[in-house]
Structures are given as structure tokens and as C-alpha cells.
Amino acid sequence: SITTMGKQKLYLSASDVALIRGKKVLLVDDVISTGGSMKALKELAEKAGAQVCCQAAILAEGDAAKRDDIVFLEELPLLEAE
């Protein structure tokens, strides 16, 4: 994540794995910037046996707004310092 410093880890409990195994899932994030968190979540869901059918966000920031593999509601403009 661009907003979190340091290494992050994502976990699914055994009950969560059982819940999504063999099912189609939708992944939703609030803001996508680099897409790193969404990519990690997709890999985790697929490893658990889920089929990711859609990746979505409320806002897409910067280059993420140009991606065609993510559905989003609005582009969040980047402000550049002068």
C-alpha cells in the first residue's frame, strides 16, 4: 500500500478459506493507487480456491484509473507540486 510503510501480510482464517473455496468472489478496495494490495488479495483468494470474477474500487488514483482490469466509480486526481 502506498499509505502504509513497511511490509504487510494478508491472512485468511480456515473458516474464511472454507467459505470462499470454489466460489466466485468480488474484490473491493476503497482506493487503488499502485494496485499492490489488490494484487496480493487476488493471489490470496485464488490460492484459497476462489475464482476472482471482478476487482473494484471506489476511487482509482493516478495510473490505476487507466487500467481496464479494475472497475471504479471515480478517478481521484493527483495534485502535483509546482
C-alpha atoms as a PDB file:
ATOM      1  CA  SER A   1       0.000   0.000   0.000  1.00  0.00           C
ATOM      2  CA  ILE A   2       1.211   3.484  -0.793  1.00  0.00           C
ATOM      3  CA  THR A   3      -0.219   4.714   2.519  1.00  0.00           C
ATOM      4  CA  THR A   4       1.353   2.068   4.757  1.00  0.00           C
ATOM      5  CA  MET A   5       5.054   1.880   5.455  1.00  0.00           C
ATOM      6  CA  GLY A   6       6.724  -1.480   5.903  1.00  0.00           C
ATOM      7  CA  LYS A   7       5.817  -4.993   4.906  1.00  0.00           C
ATOM      8  CA  GLN A   8       2.178  -6.023   5.040  1.00  0.00           C
ATOM      9  CA  LYS A   9       0.729  -9.508   5.421  1.00  0.00           C
ATOM     10  CA  LEU A  10      -2.719 -10.708   4.422  1.00  0.00           C
ATOM     11  CA  TYR A  11      -4.326 -13.696   6.110  1.00  0.00           C
ATOM     12  CA  LEU A  12      -7.456 -15.777   5.700  1.00  0.00           C
ATOM     13  CA  SER A  13      -8.687 -17.946   8.548  1.00  0.00           C
ATOM     14  CA  ALA A  14      -9.536 -21.585   7.869  1.00  0.00           C
ATOM     15  CA  SER A  15     -13.237 -20.710   8.094  1.00  0.00           C
ATOM     16  CA  ASP A  16     -12.784 -17.902   5.535  1.00  0.00           C
ATOM     17  CA  VAL A  17     -10.979 -20.283   3.167  1.00  0.00           C
ATOM     18  CA  ALA A  18     -13.824 -22.792   3.516  1.00  0.00           C
ATOM     19  CA  LEU A  19     -16.341 -20.023   2.821  1.00  0.00           C
ATOM     20  CA  ILE A  20     -14.788 -18.879  -0.475  1.00  0.00           C
ATOM     21  CA  ARG A  21     -13.306 -22.131  -1.821  1.00  0.00           C
ATOM     22  CA  GLY A  22     -14.919 -22.970  -5.164  1.00  0.00           C
ATOM     23  CA  LYS A  23     -16.901 -19.724  -5.308  1.00  0.00           C
ATOM     24  CA  LYS A  24     -16.774 -16.641  -7.489  1.00  0.00           C
ATOM     25  CA  VAL A  25     -15.715 -13.593  -5.487  1.00  0.00           C
ATOM     26  CA  LEU A  26     -15.640  -9.831  -5.980  1.00  0.00           C
ATOM     27  CA  LEU A  27     -12.676  -7.958  -4.510  1.00  0.00           C
ATOM     28  CA  VAL A  28     -13.365  -4.373  -3.378  1.00  0.00           C
ATOM     29  CA  ASP A  29     -10.945  -1.716  -2.106  1.00  0.00           C
ATOM     30  CA  ASP A  30     -11.574   1.897  -1.171  1.00  0.00           C
ATOM     31  CA  VAL A  31      -8.754   3.442  -3.244  1.00  0.00           C
ATOM     32  CA  ILE A  32      -6.427   1.799  -5.760  1.00  0.00           C
ATOM     33  CA  SER A  33      -3.117   3.557  -6.351  1.00  0.00           C
ATOM     34  CA  THR A  34      -0.422   1.093  -7.331  1.00  0.00           C
ATOM     35  CA  GLY A  35      -2.667  -1.964  -7.244  1.00  0.00           C
ATOM     36  CA  GLY A  36      -0.288  -3.848  -4.949  1.00  0.00           C
ATOM     37  CA  SER A  37      -2.841  -4.584  -2.241  1.00  0.00           C
ATOM     38  CA  MET A  38      -5.432  -5.749  -4.769  1.00  0.00           C
ATOM     39  CA  LYS A  39      -2.886  -7.981  -6.498  1.00  0.00           C
ATOM     40  CA  ALA A  40      -1.906  -9.577  -3.185  1.00  0.00           C
ATOM     41  CA  LEU A  41      -5.552 -10.105  -2.244  1.00  0.00           C
ATOM     42  CA  LYS A  42      -6.309 -11.671  -5.626  1.00  0.00           C
ATOM     43  CA  GLU A  43      -3.383 -14.077  -5.238  1.00  0.00           C
ATOM     44  CA  LEU A  44      -4.549 -14.983  -1.719  1.00  0.00           C
ATOM     45  CA  ALA A  45      -8.151 -15.584  -2.819  1.00  0.00           C
ATOM     46  CA  GLU A  46      -7.040 -17.733  -5.753  1.00  0.00           C
ATOM     47  CA  LYS A  47      -4.680 -19.712  -3.516  1.00  0.00           C
ATOM     48  CA  ALA A  48      -7.686 -20.366  -1.264  1.00  0.00           C
ATOM     49  CA  GLY A  49      -9.561 -21.799  -4.252  1.00  0.00           C
ATOM     50  CA  ALA A  50     -11.790 -18.845  -5.126  1.00  0.00           C
ATOM     51  CA  GLN A  51     -12.378 -17.561  -8.643  1.00  0.00           C
ATOM     52  CA  VAL A  52     -11.938 -13.774  -8.732  1.00  0.00           C
ATOM     53  CA  CYS A  53     -14.595 -12.533 -11.153  1.00  0.00           C
ATOM     54  CA  CYS A  54     -14.143  -8.775 -10.627  1.00  0.00           C
ATOM     55  CA  GLN A  55     -11.821  -6.276  -8.954  1.00  0.00           C
ATOM     56  CA  ALA A  56     -13.415  -2.982  -7.946  1.00  0.00           C
ATOM     57  CA  ALA A  57     -12.678   0.213  -6.041  1.00  0.00           C
ATOM     58  CA  ILE A  58     -14.493   3.360  -5.061  1.00  0.00           C
ATOM     59  CA  LEU A  59     -11.630   5.552  -6.320  1.00  0.00           C
ATOM     60  CA  ALA A  60      -8.721   4.963  -8.697  1.00  0.00           C
ATOM     61  CA  GLU A  61      -5.698   7.209  -8.289  1.00  0.00           C
ATOM     62  CA  GLY A  62      -3.091   8.068 -10.914  1.00  0.00           C
ATOM     63  CA  ASP A  63      -2.248   5.316 -13.406  1.00  0.00           C
ATOM     64  CA  ALA A  64      -4.731   2.950 -11.752  1.00  0.00           C
ATOM     65  CA  ALA A  65      -7.503   4.947 -13.450  1.00  0.00           C
ATOM     66  CA  LYS A  66      -6.117   3.847 -16.837  1.00  0.00           C
ATOM     67  CA  ARG A  67      -6.321   0.125 -16.063  1.00  0.00           C
ATOM     68  CA  ASP A  68      -9.021  -1.915 -17.752  1.00  0.00           C
ATOM     69  CA  ASP A  69      -8.989  -4.800 -15.263  1.00  0.00           C
ATOM     70  CA  ILE A  70     -10.424  -2.733 -12.395  1.00  0.00           C
ATOM     71  CA  VAL A  71     -13.908  -1.238 -12.141  1.00  0.00           C
ATOM     72  CA  PHE A  72     -14.092   2.043 -10.206  1.00  0.00           C
ATOM     73  CA  LEU A  73     -16.612   4.793  -9.556  1.00  0.00           C
ATOM     74  CA  GLU A  74     -14.439   7.880  -9.844  1.00  0.00           C
ATOM     75  CA  GLU A  75     -10.907   8.954 -10.679  1.00  0.00           C
ATOM     76  CA  LEU A  76      -9.005  10.612  -7.858  1.00  0.00           C
ATOM     77  CA  PRO A  77      -6.726  13.253  -9.394  1.00  0.00           C
ATOM     78  CA  LEU A  78      -3.139  13.535  -8.225  1.00  0.00           C
ATOM     79  CA  LEU A  79      -2.032  17.001  -7.204  1.00  0.00           C
ATOM     80  CA  GLU A  80       1.446  17.891  -8.376  1.00  0.00           C
ATOM     81  CA  ALA A  81       3.672  20.325  -6.504  1.00  0.00           C
ATOM     82  CA  GLU A  82       4.939  23.266  -8.504  1.00  0.00           C
END
